[in-house]
Protein backbone atom coordinates (compact mmCIF):
# COMPACT_ATOMS: atom_id res chain seq x y z
CA MET A 1 105.57 139.02 293.26
CA LEU A 2 105.55 137.99 296.70
CA THR A 3 108.35 138.75 298.88
CA MET A 4 109.59 136.68 301.65
CA ARG A 5 108.60 139.28 304.35
CA THR A 6 105.36 139.85 302.84
CA LEU A 7 104.52 135.67 303.04
CA LEU A 8 105.97 135.55 306.86
CA SER A 9 103.73 138.68 307.71
CA ALA A 10 100.64 136.86 306.06
CA PHE A 11 101.68 133.78 307.66
CA ILE A 12 101.70 135.57 311.29
CA ILE A 13 98.27 137.59 311.16
CA ILE A 14 96.75 134.10 309.89
CA LEU A 15 98.09 132.45 313.01
CA ALA A 16 97.47 135.61 315.30
CA PHE A 17 93.62 135.51 313.85
CA SER A 18 93.31 131.74 313.59
CA ASN A 19 93.43 131.35 317.69
CA ILE A 20 90.38 133.67 318.00
CA GLY A 21 87.81 130.91 317.01
CA TYR A 22 89.67 128.51 319.07
CA THR A 23 89.75 130.07 322.69
CA GLN A 24 85.82 130.64 324.10
CA GLU A 25 86.59 134.29 325.54
CA ASN A 26 82.95 134.04 327.26
CA ASP A 27 84.92 131.53 329.38
CA LYS A 28 85.23 132.66 332.81
CA LEU A 29 87.78 131.30 335.02
CA PHE A 30 86.76 129.78 338.84
CA ALA A 31 88.92 128.25 341.93
CA MET A 32 88.16 125.43 343.54
CA ILE A 33 89.34 124.22 346.66
CA TYR A 34 88.91 121.21 347.88
CA SER A 35 88.86 119.72 351.58
CA LYS A 36 88.37 116.73 352.97
CA GLY A 37 83.94 116.39 353.43
CA ASP A 38 81.57 114.82 356.15
CA ALA A 39 82.31 111.28 354.59
CA TRP A 40 85.96 111.23 354.75
CA ASN A 41 87.07 108.51 356.67
CA GLU A 42 90.67 109.44 358.54
CA ASN A 43 91.74 105.55 359.13
CA ILE A 44 91.79 105.13 355.34
CA ALA A 45 94.59 105.89 352.70
CA THR A 46 93.43 109.35 350.43
CA SER A 47 93.45 106.63 347.54
CA GLU A 48 91.40 104.11 349.06
CA GLN A 49 88.30 106.86 350.06
CA ALA A 50 85.04 106.33 349.02
CA TYR A 51 84.61 107.78 345.45
CA PHE A 52 88.51 108.59 345.08
CA LYS A 53 88.55 106.67 341.88
CA ALA A 54 85.85 107.92 340.34
CA HIS A 55 87.03 111.66 341.15
CA THR A 56 90.54 110.44 339.71
CA ARG A 57 88.80 109.66 336.25
CA HIS A 58 86.14 113.00 336.85
CA LEU A 59 89.29 115.42 337.10
CA GLN A 60 91.03 113.78 333.99
CA ARG A 61 88.36 114.08 331.78
CA LEU A 62 88.04 117.72 332.38
CA ARG A 63 91.68 118.08 331.78
CA LYS A 64 91.35 115.98 328.33
CA GLN A 65 88.05 118.83 327.80
CA GLY A 66 90.44 121.93 328.91
CA LYS A 67 88.89 122.71 331.86
CA ILE A 68 91.42 122.23 334.04
CA LEU A 69 93.86 125.32 333.78
CA VAL A 70 96.21 124.28 336.78
CA GLY A 71 95.77 122.32 340.03
CA GLY A 72 97.51 121.16 342.53
CA ARG A 73 97.77 120.06 346.77
CA TYR A 74 98.50 122.43 349.51
CA SER A 75 98.22 121.38 353.24
CA ASN A 76 95.17 119.05 353.09
CA LEU A 77 93.41 121.05 350.44
CA GLY A 78 93.20 120.68 346.60
CA PHE A 79 93.14 123.61 344.42
CA MET A 80 92.33 124.18 341.07
CA ILE A 81 91.45 126.39 338.06
CA LEU A 82 88.61 125.52 335.67
CA LYS A 83 87.05 127.31 332.65
CA ALA A 84 83.60 127.13 332.50
CA GLU A 85 80.76 129.34 330.40
CA ASP A 86 79.48 130.86 333.98
CA ALA A 87 78.93 130.27 337.77
CA GLU A 88 75.93 127.82 336.89
CA LYS A 89 78.40 125.98 334.35
CA ALA A 90 80.84 125.52 337.15
CA GLU A 91 78.36 124.64 339.76
CA LEU A 92 77.48 121.87 337.64
CA ILE A 93 80.52 120.54 336.82
CA THR A 94 81.37 119.88 340.38
CA LYS A 95 78.16 118.41 341.30
CA GLN A 96 79.50 115.62 338.70
CA ASP A 97 82.11 114.24 340.96
CA SER A 98 80.46 111.91 342.95
CA SER A 99 83.04 112.62 345.66
CA VAL A 100 81.49 115.68 346.55
CA VAL A 101 78.06 114.70 345.87
CA GLY A 102 78.87 111.32 348.37
CA GLY A 103 80.62 113.68 350.55
CA THR A 104 84.19 112.38 350.48
CA PHE A 105 85.55 116.14 349.13
CA LYS A 106 83.86 119.44 349.85
CA VAL A 107 84.62 121.85 347.25
CA GLU A 108 84.01 125.74 347.37
CA LEU A 109 83.91 127.93 343.79
CA PHE A 110 84.82 131.22 343.42
CA GLU A 111 85.16 133.27 340.53
CA PHE A 112 89.03 134.10 339.72
CA HIS A 113 90.00 137.20 338.46
CA PRO A 114 93.73 136.62 337.44
CA PHE A 115 95.50 139.97 337.17
CA TYR A 116 98.83 138.39 336.26
CA SER A 117 98.76 135.78 333.85
CA GLY A 118 102.50 134.60 334.77
CA CYS A 119 103.31 131.25 333.46
CA ILE A 120 100.01 130.08 333.22
CA ASP A 121 98.30 129.95 329.64
CA THR A 122 94.74 131.29 330.47
CA THR A 123 93.81 131.00 326.82
CA LYS A 124 93.64 127.30 326.28
């Protein structure tokens, strides 16, 4: 007869190994730094900039897909950590943002190698 300890141990092992298929260990992380592009209009609010609504929808899609791990603004810049298979795929993701294509924003992309994960879960 199985003891409670044996069942609990089996459950923990199954739970630990079930995440292996969930995460894509081949994915890399990329820092995306957004700044004002050549088409930025200093005379209107951020939310009124050309392509801004499309930019917002693009980022919402990436969040739902689990591609954006964290994002925020500082100074007059935006910053995100993006998960992608490789640099080419990360670049393609930036080119799907019409605000970047249209020049409202510029984005710089750098491969990101965290040395301390802190409170941000980078496994999802």
